[in-house]
Amino acid sequence: MSAAIVLFAHGARDPEWALPFEKMRALIQQRLPETTVLLSYLELMQPNLETAIGNLEQQGISQVTLIPMFLARGGHLKQDLPKLIDRIQSNHSGLSVKLAPAIGEVDTILNMLSDWVCTTHQQQSK
């Protein structure tokens, strides 16, 4: 196994906040059993991104697909994440990190969310 997926979320003080992300990680792991799928957090929760990627490198992973679990590209994705990735790449030179778009920038996801909102509205309006 030389490739992995890291889901990167903000983090929160309340551990229940992470439950949907943990469920998403488990669903992806089910669909890709030969791929390591991890969660990492910007702040307030562990593991942070550098720790998660360092652990992957120790397992012999050489390529990471990094998925930002953010709906919008604010300062964390525009400023903080590029700095984190640069630091990780310099500290873990044998590892390639490929950054995917934030989930809120993916039309398929936005369409699914809007479908759900419309369906929910229609059900609630009956």
Protein backbone atom coordinates (compact mmCIF):
# COMPACT_ATOMS: atom_id res chain seq x y z
CA MET A 1 0.00 0.00 0.00
CA SER A 2 1.77 3.15 -1.13
CA ALA A 3 -1.11 5.64 -1.40
CA ALA A 4 -3.49 7.09 1.17
CA ILE A 5 -6.31 9.57 1.55
CA VAL A 6 -6.35 12.17 4.30
CA LEU A 7 -9.59 13.98 5.02
CA PHE A 8 -8.67 17.37 6.47
CA ALA A 9 -11.26 19.10 8.66
CA HIS A 10 -11.21 22.15 10.91
CA GLY A 11 -11.70 20.53 14.32
CA ALA A 12 -13.84 21.55 17.30
CA ARG A 13 -13.89 21.34 21.08
CA ASP A 14 -16.94 19.06 21.07
CA PRO A 15 -15.91 15.50 20.10
CA GLU A 16 -19.39 14.86 18.64
CA TRP A 17 -18.61 17.44 15.95
CA ALA A 18 -16.27 14.90 14.33
CA LEU A 19 -18.88 12.11 14.05
CA PRO A 20 -19.96 12.91 10.45
CA PHE A 21 -16.30 13.03 9.39
CA GLU A 22 -15.62 9.70 11.09
CA LYS A 23 -18.63 8.22 9.29
CA MET A 24 -17.37 9.61 5.98
CA ARG A 25 -13.93 8.14 6.62
CA ALA A 26 -15.46 4.73 7.35
CA LEU A 27 -17.61 4.85 4.20
CA ILE A 28 -14.59 5.70 2.04
CA GLN A 29 -12.50 3.00 3.74
CA GLN A 30 -15.24 0.46 2.95
CA ARG A 31 -15.20 1.43 -0.71
CA LEU A 32 -11.39 1.50 -0.93
CA PRO A 33 -10.25 -1.30 1.41
CA GLU A 34 -6.72 -1.34 -0.04
CA THR A 35 -6.22 2.38 0.66
CA THR A 36 -5.46 3.86 4.07
CA VAL A 37 -8.01 6.60 4.86
CA LEU A 38 -7.32 8.95 7.77
CA LEU A 39 -8.86 12.03 9.33
CA SER A 40 -6.76 14.99 10.37
CA TYR A 41 -7.60 18.36 11.83
CA LEU A 42 -6.39 21.92 11.60
CA GLU A 43 -6.90 22.62 15.29
CA LEU A 44 -8.51 21.51 18.54
CA MET A 45 -8.52 17.80 17.63
CA GLN A 46 -5.93 15.15 16.90
CA PRO A 47 -4.21 14.09 14.82
CA ASN A 48 -3.13 17.30 13.17
CA LEU A 49 -2.18 17.15 9.51
CA GLU A 50 1.56 16.86 9.98
CA THR A 51 1.20 14.06 12.55
CA ALA A 52 -1.21 12.14 10.31
CA ILE A 53 1.08 12.41 7.29
CA GLY A 54 4.14 11.55 9.37
CA ASN A 55 2.36 8.39 10.54
CA LEU A 56 1.57 7.50 6.93
CA GLU A 57 5.19 7.97 5.91
CA GLN A 58 6.26 5.60 8.71
CA GLN A 59 3.86 3.02 7.22
CA GLY A 60 5.62 3.29 3.85
CA ILE A 61 3.02 5.50 2.17
CA SER A 62 4.56 7.59 -0.60
CA GLN A 63 1.52 9.42 -2.01
CA VAL A 64 -1.28 11.22 -0.16
CA THR A 65 -4.46 12.65 -1.62
CA LEU A 66 -5.48 15.46 0.71
CA ILE A 67 -9.21 16.26 0.73
CA PRO A 68 -10.17 19.53 2.47
CA MET A 69 -13.53 18.90 4.15
CA PHE A 70 -14.46 22.58 3.99
CA LEU A 71 -17.48 24.07 2.21
CA ALA A 72 -15.78 27.37 1.47
CA ARG A 73 -12.22 28.56 0.81
CA GLY A 74 -11.56 30.97 3.63
CA GLY A 75 -8.27 31.93 5.23
CA HIS A 76 -7.56 28.43 6.47
CA LEU A 77 -7.52 27.00 2.95
CA LYS A 78 -6.03 30.04 1.24
CA GLN A 79 -3.27 30.77 3.74
CA ASP A 80 -2.89 28.16 6.49
CA LEU A 81 -3.12 24.99 4.41
CA PRO A 82 -0.50 25.96 1.78
CA LYS A 83 1.95 26.75 4.61
CA LEU A 84 1.20 23.42 6.27
CA ILE A 85 1.70 21.54 3.01
CA ASP A 86 5.00 23.34 2.33
CA ARG A 87 6.26 22.46 5.83
CA ILE A 88 5.11 18.85 5.46
CA GLN A 89 6.76 18.49 2.04
CA SER A 90 10.05 19.84 3.39
CA ASN A 91 9.95 17.58 6.48
CA HIS A 92 8.75 14.51 4.57
CA SER A 93 10.53 14.75 1.23
CA GLY A 94 9.82 11.14 0.29
CA LEU A 95 6.11 11.78 0.29
CA SER A 96 3.97 13.42 -2.38
CA VAL A 97 0.91 15.36 -1.20
CA LYS A 98 -1.70 16.05 -3.87
CA LEU A 99 -4.30 18.61 -2.83
CA ALA A 100 -7.86 18.11 -4.04
CA PRO A 101 -10.42 20.93 -4.16
CA ALA A 102 -12.39 21.70 -1.02
CA ILE A 103 -15.63 19.73 -1.01
CA GLY A 104 -17.61 22.96 -1.33
CA GLU A 105 -15.96 23.62 -4.69
CA VAL A 106 -17.12 20.35 -6.24
CA ASP A 107 -20.24 20.72 -8.39
CA THR A 108 -21.34 17.13 -7.79
CA ILE A 109 -21.36 17.68 -4.03
CA LEU A 110 -23.14 21.04 -4.33
CA ASN A 111 -25.76 19.45 -6.57
CA MET A 112 -26.32 16.62 -4.08
CA LEU A 113 -26.68 19.11 -1.23
CA SER A 114 -29.13 21.26 -3.18
CA ASP A 115 -31.15 18.14 -4.09
CA TRP A 116 -31.34 17.23 -0.42
CA VAL A 117 -32.39 20.78 0.57
CA CYS A 118 -35.11 20.84 -2.10
CA THR A 119 -36.41 17.40 -1.13
CA THR A 120 -36.40 18.31 2.55
CA HIS A 121 -38.24 21.54 1.83
CA GLN A 122 -40.85 19.76 -0.26
CA GLN A 123 -41.41 17.16 2.47
CA GLN A 124 -41.66 19.82 5.17
CA SER A 125 -44.09 21.88 3.10
CA LYS A 126 -46.68 19.07 2.86
